Amino acid sequence: MRRRYFLGGAAALGAGMGTSVRAQDRAVFLTYTQEQLDQAYDQSVWAPQFKELQAHDDTASAAVRKVMPPRTERYGTKDVELLDIFTPPNAAGAPVLVYFHGGEWQYNSRLTASFAAPTVVGRGAAYLVPDFNNIKQVPLPDMIEQCRSAVEWAVRNAARFGGDPDKVYIGGHSSGGHLASCVLITDWTRRGLPADAIKGAFLMSGMYDLHPVMLSSRGQYVKITPQEQAAASVMRHLDQVRCPVAIAWADLDSPEFKRQSKVFASALQGMGRLASRTVAFAANHFQEPQRLARPDSDMSRALFALMKI
């Protein structure tokens, strides 16, 4: 991206035609101006039809829930702390995927992420989708803690719903990808679980370093301290990644979601932790997870490879 400059007028002429940078044209992160960075984290700029695409998720998920009603369990004490469980018939020892929905940390719920259930269950695995509070209700660290509690519940109770506690994987998209990345670096031993409680992560177009995110307009509604920002940025805790991680993004995604995915994937590759790197071609940010509704899609194949199903 090119930064624009302008001549400084009479003062500049007096200084030998020097240049100065207008405030709105100054780079605030890399070469992004404030406006450009705001747009880089605003998916409506890159997918103008996002409302229609989200409505599609609602409709598709409702249709799935009608034909294969999930079992709903409580993983915590708050009213919202519920999770839906989709399993194959007579499941026993099935691999488990705990999936975190996206929505800018503000929107959506477990009810809008059921559309992928037939694909996962069709391969003999259990598909769990937890609910959690949004950023308007609780601080981001509390949301992360809820997601960790949901995964802990899944590990401890896997046998109850036909899952294998030694084959628990996590996944997520967008802000759900960020939340999943925070779950990824949990110290499970402090919760009385094995250090390798999670066997792999499938992360689609997530945010893995919150520094540029908080510099964007998203920082206006996500209020966190510098310490909390660092704690919720997996790129600052790479030594705590203990399992294979599959990274995916959409080729029509916003530049920052693509950059963050590529940087994290390269770091994982250098550590020997990258399971796969997948680009959803001819797809925008919202169309990317919808491909999990098709067993033959690039997203589904990457997930199957990670889970060995």
Protein backbone atom coordinates (compact mmCIF):
# COMPACT_ATOMS: atom_id res chain seq x y z
CA MET A 1 0.00 0.00 0.00
CA ARG A 2 1.33 3.47 -0.89
CA ARG A 3 1.30 6.28 1.60
CA ARG A 4 0.38 9.67 0.17
CA TYR A 5 2.42 12.76 0.82
CA PHE A 6 1.80 16.41 0.19
CA LEU A 7 3.93 19.52 -0.03
CA GLY A 8 3.97 21.51 3.12
CA GLY A 9 3.06 24.87 1.54
CA ALA A 10 4.94 28.04 2.24
CA ALA A 11 6.72 26.58 5.25
CA ALA A 12 7.94 23.69 3.17
CA LEU A 13 9.11 26.02 0.42
CA GLY A 14 11.07 27.98 2.97
CA ALA A 15 12.68 24.73 4.10
CA GLY A 16 13.72 23.78 0.60
CA MET A 17 10.54 22.00 -0.58
CA GLY A 18 10.46 19.54 2.36
CA THR A 19 7.54 17.14 2.79
CA SER A 20 5.28 16.30 5.69
CA VAL A 21 2.75 13.53 6.18
CA ARG A 22 -0.87 14.31 6.84
CA ALA A 23 -2.16 12.79 10.07
CA GLN A 24 -4.72 10.66 8.25
CA ASP A 25 -2.00 9.33 5.94
CA ARG A 26 0.43 8.24 8.63
CA ALA A 27 1.01 4.51 8.96
CA VAL A 28 -0.33 3.13 12.24
CA PHE A 29 0.67 -0.49 11.58
CA LEU A 30 3.03 -1.75 8.86
CA THR A 31 2.04 0.45 5.89
CA TYR A 32 -1.65 0.74 6.86
CA THR A 33 -3.15 4.12 7.58
CA GLN A 34 -5.84 4.14 10.26
CA GLU A 35 -8.59 3.98 7.64
CA GLN A 36 -6.90 1.13 5.82
CA LEU A 37 -6.34 -0.84 9.02
CA ASP A 38 -9.96 -0.35 10.04
CA GLN A 39 -11.06 -1.68 6.66
CA ALA A 40 -8.64 -4.60 6.87
CA TYR A 41 -10.52 -5.82 9.96
CA ASP A 42 -14.00 -4.97 8.65
CA GLN A 43 -15.34 -7.93 6.69
CA SER A 44 -18.28 -5.96 5.30
CA VAL A 45 -15.79 -4.13 3.07
CA TRP A 46 -14.60 -7.37 1.48
CA ALA A 47 -17.89 -9.31 1.52
CA PRO A 48 -20.75 -6.83 0.97
CA GLN A 49 -23.25 -9.72 0.91
CA PHE A 50 -22.25 -10.85 4.40
CA LYS A 51 -25.78 -10.51 5.81
CA GLU A 52 -27.15 -12.88 3.19
CA LEU A 53 -24.31 -15.33 3.83
CA GLN A 54 -24.92 -15.28 7.57
CA ALA A 55 -28.63 -15.80 6.98
CA HIS A 56 -27.66 -18.86 4.92
CA ASP A 57 -25.81 -20.26 7.94
CA ASP A 58 -28.92 -19.75 10.08
CA THR A 59 -31.16 -21.52 7.58
CA ALA A 60 -28.75 -24.37 6.89
CA SER A 61 -28.14 -24.94 10.59
CA ALA A 62 -31.86 -24.97 11.36
CA ALA A 63 -32.39 -27.58 8.64
CA VAL A 64 -29.64 -29.78 10.10
CA ARG A 65 -31.05 -29.50 13.61
CA LYS A 66 -34.44 -30.57 12.30
CA VAL A 67 -33.24 -33.80 10.72
CA MET A 68 -30.56 -34.66 13.30
CA PRO A 69 -31.46 -32.99 16.62
CA PRO A 70 -28.40 -32.60 18.84
CA ARG A 71 -28.04 -33.57 22.43
CA THR A 72 -27.57 -30.41 24.50
CA GLU A 73 -25.51 -30.47 27.68
CA ARG A 74 -24.43 -27.88 30.23
CA TYR A 75 -20.68 -27.38 30.57
CA GLY A 76 -20.83 -24.58 33.15
CA THR A 77 -23.11 -22.82 35.59
CA LYS A 78 -24.15 -19.78 33.51
CA ASP A 79 -27.35 -19.95 31.47
CA VAL A 80 -25.41 -19.53 28.22
CA GLU A 81 -22.90 -22.29 28.98
CA LEU A 82 -24.48 -25.00 26.87
CA LEU A 83 -23.08 -27.11 24.07
CA ASP A 84 -24.71 -29.10 21.30
CA ILE A 85 -23.46 -32.63 20.64
CA PHE A 86 -23.93 -34.34 17.29
CA THR A 87 -22.76 -37.96 17.15
CA PRO A 88 -22.99 -40.92 14.79
CA PRO A 89 -25.56 -43.60 15.73
CA ASN A 90 -24.29 -45.87 18.49
CA ALA A 91 -21.06 -43.91 18.74
CA ALA A 92 -18.26 -45.45 20.79
CA GLY A 93 -14.72 -44.11 20.92
CA ALA A 94 -15.38 -41.50 18.23
CA PRO A 95 -12.93 -38.64 17.62
CA VAL A 96 -14.31 -35.33 18.88
CA LEU A 97 -14.27 -31.87 17.29
CA VAL A 98 -15.15 -28.88 19.50
CA TYR A 99 -15.95 -25.99 17.16
CA PHE A 100 -16.11 -22.30 18.12
CA HIS A 101 -18.32 -20.04 16.02
CA GLY A 102 -17.20 -16.62 14.80
CA GLY A 103 -18.96 -13.28 14.74
CA GLU A 104 -16.53 -10.51 15.75
CA TRP A 105 -16.78 -11.75 19.38
CA GLN A 106 -20.22 -10.07 19.27
CA TYR A 107 -22.66 -12.17 17.28
CA ASN A 108 -23.95 -15.68 16.49
CA SER A 109 -24.36 -18.73 18.71
CA ARG A 110 -24.15 -22.50 18.70
CA LEU A 111 -27.47 -22.49 16.80
CA THR A 112 -25.83 -20.93 13.73
CA ALA A 113 -22.94 -23.40 13.47
CA SER A 114 -24.81 -26.69 13.09
CA PHE A 115 -24.41 -26.74 9.29
CA ALA A 116 -21.09 -28.63 9.48
CA ALA A 117 -22.46 -31.43 11.67
CA PRO A 118 -23.44 -33.86 8.86
CA THR A 119 -19.94 -33.66 7.36
CA VAL A 120 -18.14 -34.39 10.63
CA VAL A 121 -20.62 -37.00 11.88
CA GLY A 122 -20.62 -38.62 8.44
CA ARG A 123 -16.93 -39.44 8.94
CA GLY A 124 -17.63 -41.13 12.27
CA ALA A 125 -16.68 -38.24 14.57
CA ALA A 126 -18.59 -36.25 17.19
CA TYR A 127 -19.24 -32.56 16.55
CA LEU A 128 -19.64 -30.27 19.57
CA VAL A 129 -20.56 -26.58 19.42
CA PRO A 130 -20.51 -24.57 22.65
CA ASP A 131 -22.23 -21.29 23.41
CA PHE A 132 -20.47 -18.54 25.34
CA ASN A 133 -21.09 -14.93 26.27
CA ASN A 134 -20.27 -12.22 23.76
CA ILE A 135 -18.01 -9.23 24.21
CA LYS A 136 -20.97 -6.98 25.02
CA GLN A 137 -21.68 -9.13 28.08
CA VAL A 138 -18.27 -10.15 29.44
CA PRO A 139 -14.60 -9.22 28.90
CA LEU A 140 -12.61 -11.17 26.32
CA PRO A 141 -10.60 -13.13 28.95
CA ASP A 142 -13.92 -14.44 30.34
CA MET A 143 -14.97 -15.61 26.87
CA ILE A 144 -11.67 -17.44 26.49
CA GLU A 145 -12.13 -19.08 29.88
CA GLN A 146 -15.60 -20.28 28.86
CA CYS A 147 -14.16 -21.87 25.72
CA ARG A 148 -11.48 -23.62 27.76
CA SER A 149 -14.14 -24.90 30.15
CA ALA A 150 -16.17 -26.28 27.24
CA VAL A 151 -13.16 -28.23 25.96
CA GLU A 152 -12.34 -29.47 29.45
CA TRP A 153 -15.93 -30.70 29.77
CA ALA A 154 -15.64 -32.48 26.42
CA VAL A 155 -12.48 -34.30 27.48
CA ARG A 156 -13.86 -35.33 30.87
CA ASN A 157 -17.25 -36.41 29.50
CA ALA A 158 -16.34 -37.82 26.10
CA ALA A 159 -17.24 -41.39 27.04
CA ARG A 160 -20.75 -40.27 28.02
CA PHE A 161 -21.60 -39.29 24.45
CA GLY A 162 -19.58 -41.94 22.64
CA GLY A 163 -16.41 -39.91 22.18
CA ASP A 164 -12.79 -40.78 22.80
CA PRO A 165 -11.18 -38.50 25.43
CA ASP A 166 -7.80 -39.17 23.83
CA LYS A 167 -8.96 -37.88 20.43
CA VAL A 168 -10.28 -34.39 21.15
CA TYR A 169 -9.65 -31.69 18.54
CA ILE A 170 -10.67 -28.04 18.37
CA GLY A 171 -11.63 -25.75 15.51
CA GLY A 172 -12.99 -22.32 14.83
CA HIS A 173 -13.49 -19.55 12.30
CA SER A 174 -12.71 -15.83 12.50
CA SER A 175 -13.14 -14.67 16.12
CA GLY A 176 -13.90 -18.34 16.84
CA GLY A 177 -10.53 -19.14 15.31
CA HIS A 178 -8.97 -16.66 17.70
CA LEU A 179 -10.76 -18.20 20.67
CA ALA A 180 -9.67 -21.68 19.57
CA SER A 181 -6.06 -20.46 19.29
CA CYS A 182 -6.26 -19.29 22.91
CA VAL A 183 -7.62 -22.68 23.96
CA LEU A 184 -4.69 -24.19 22.06
CA ILE A 185 -2.15 -22.72 24.49
CA THR A 186 -3.95 -23.74 27.68
CA ASP A 187 -1.91 -25.40 30.41
CA TRP A 188 -4.20 -28.39 30.87
CA THR A 189 -2.11 -29.87 33.67
CA ARG A 190 -3.31 -27.06 35.93
CA ARG A 191 -6.82 -28.38 35.33
CA GLY A 192 -5.90 -31.95 36.10
CA LEU A 193 -5.78 -33.08 32.47
CA PRO A 194 -2.89 -34.38 30.35
CA ALA A 195 -0.67 -31.70 28.81
CA ASP A 196 -1.69 -33.01 25.37
CA ALA A 197 -5.43 -32.98 26.06
CA ILE A 198 -5.95 -31.43 22.61
CA LYS A 199 -4.67 -33.54 19.74
CA GLY A 200 -4.96 -30.92 17.00
CA ALA A 201 -6.51 -27.61 15.94
CA PHE A 202 -8.23 -26.53 12.72
CA LEU A 203 -8.16 -22.73 12.52
CA MET A 204 -9.85 -20.79 9.73
CA SER A 205 -9.11 -17.08 9.17
CA GLY A 206 -8.42 -16.35 12.80
CA MET A 207 -6.53 -13.56 14.56
CA TYR A 208 -3.34 -14.73 16.19
CA ASP A 209 -1.76 -11.44 17.30
CA LEU A 210 -4.18 -8.93 18.80
CA HIS A 211 -1.82 -5.94 18.60
CA PRO A 212 -2.96 -4.76 15.13
CA VAL A 213 -6.54 -5.79 15.87
CA MET A 214 -6.69 -3.51 18.89
CA LEU A 215 -5.22 -0.65 16.82
CA SER A 216 -8.15 -1.02 14.42
CA SER A 217 -11.75 0.03 15.02
CA ARG A 218 -12.32 -3.30 16.77
CA GLY A 219 -10.37 -1.89 19.68
CA GLN A 220 -13.31 0.42 20.34
CA TYR A 221 -15.47 -2.44 21.61
CA VAL A 222 -12.88 -4.95 22.78
CA LYS A 223 -11.45 -3.40 25.92
CA ILE A 224 -8.40 -5.29 27.20
CA THR A 225 -5.20 -4.39 28.99
CA PRO A 226 -1.79 -4.80 27.32
CA GLN A 227 -1.21 -7.85 29.51
CA GLU A 228 -4.53 -9.40 28.46
CA GLN A 229 -3.75 -8.61 24.84
CA ALA A 230 -0.46 -10.45 25.08
CA ALA A 231 -2.03 -13.41 26.90
CA ALA A 232 -4.66 -13.73 24.15
CA SER A 233 -2.16 -13.68 21.26
CA VAL A 234 -0.93 -17.16 20.37
CA MET A 235 1.92 -15.70 18.31
CA ARG A 236 3.48 -14.60 21.60
CA HIS A 237 3.21 -18.07 23.09
CA LEU A 238 4.40 -20.36 20.33
CA ASP A 239 6.30 -22.50 22.80
CA GLN A 240 2.96 -23.53 24.30
CA VAL A 241 1.63 -25.03 21.05
CA ARG A 242 1.91 -28.78 21.65
CA CYS A 243 -0.09 -30.33 18.81
CA PRO A 244 -0.48 -30.19 15.01
CA VAL A 245 -2.35 -27.14 13.72
CA ALA A 246 -4.09 -26.85 10.35
CA ILE A 247 -4.37 -23.26 9.09
CA ALA A 248 -6.83 -22.09 6.45
CA TRP A 249 -7.94 -18.81 4.93
CA ALA A 250 -10.04 -17.60 1.99
CA ASP A 251 -8.44 -16.07 -1.08
CA LEU A 252 -11.04 -13.27 -1.11
CA ASP A 253 -10.62 -12.58 2.60
CA SER A 254 -9.48 -9.21 3.96
CA PRO A 255 -5.71 -8.54 3.78
CA GLU A 256 -5.15 -8.72 7.53
CA PHE A 257 -6.95 -12.04 8.02
CA LYS A 258 -4.84 -13.48 5.21
CA ARG A 259 -1.61 -11.96 6.56
CA GLN A 260 -2.24 -13.19 10.10
CA SER A 261 -2.96 -16.71 8.83
CA LYS A 262 0.14 -16.80 6.66
CA VAL A 263 2.43 -15.50 9.41
CA PHE A 264 1.09 -18.01 11.94
CA ALA A 265 1.34 -20.85 9.43
CA SER A 266 4.97 -20.00 8.69
CA ALA A 267 5.79 -19.90 12.40
CA LEU A 268 4.13 -23.27 12.93
CA GLN A 269 5.97 -24.73 9.96
CA GLY A 270 9.29 -23.61 11.43
CA MET A 271 8.36 -25.36 14.68
CA GLY A 272 7.27 -28.56 12.98
CA ARG A 273 3.68 -28.01 14.16
CA LEU A 274 1.97 -27.12 10.87
CA ALA A 275 -0.40 -29.91 9.81
CA SER A 276 -1.57 -28.18 6.63
CA ARG A 277 -2.04 -24.83 4.96
CA THR A 278 -5.24 -24.53 2.91
CA VAL A 279 -6.64 -21.69 0.82
CA ALA A 280 -10.35 -21.65 0.05
CA PHE A 281 -10.28 -20.46 -3.55
CA ALA A 282 -13.12 -18.30 -4.93
CA ALA A 283 -14.41 -17.80 -1.40
CA ASN A 284 -14.69 -14.83 0.92
CA HIS A 285 -14.46 -14.80 4.70
CA PHE A 286 -18.02 -16.06 5.24
CA GLN A 287 -18.06 -18.62 2.44
CA GLU A 288 -14.92 -20.32 3.79
CA PRO A 289 -16.54 -22.16 6.76
CA GLN A 290 -19.63 -22.95 4.69
CA ARG A 291 -17.45 -25.37 2.73
CA LEU A 292 -17.47 -27.63 5.76
CA ALA A 293 -21.02 -28.49 4.74
CA ARG A 294 -19.53 -30.40 1.76
CA PRO A 295 -17.49 -33.51 2.57
CA ASP A 296 -15.52 -33.18 -0.69
CA SER A 297 -14.43 -29.57 -0.14
CA ASP A 298 -10.90 -28.34 0.48
CA MET A 299 -11.82 -27.33 4.04
CA SER A 300 -13.36 -30.71 4.87
CA ARG A 301 -10.42 -32.64 3.46
CA ALA A 302 -7.98 -30.61 5.56
CA LEU A 303 -10.08 -31.27 8.67
CA PHE A 304 -10.33 -35.00 7.94
CA ALA A 305 -6.56 -35.23 7.48
CA LEU A 306 -5.93 -33.48 10.79
CA MET A 307 -8.37 -35.72 12.68
CA LYS A 308 -7.29 -38.86 10.81
CA ILE A 309 -10.89 -39.72 9.90
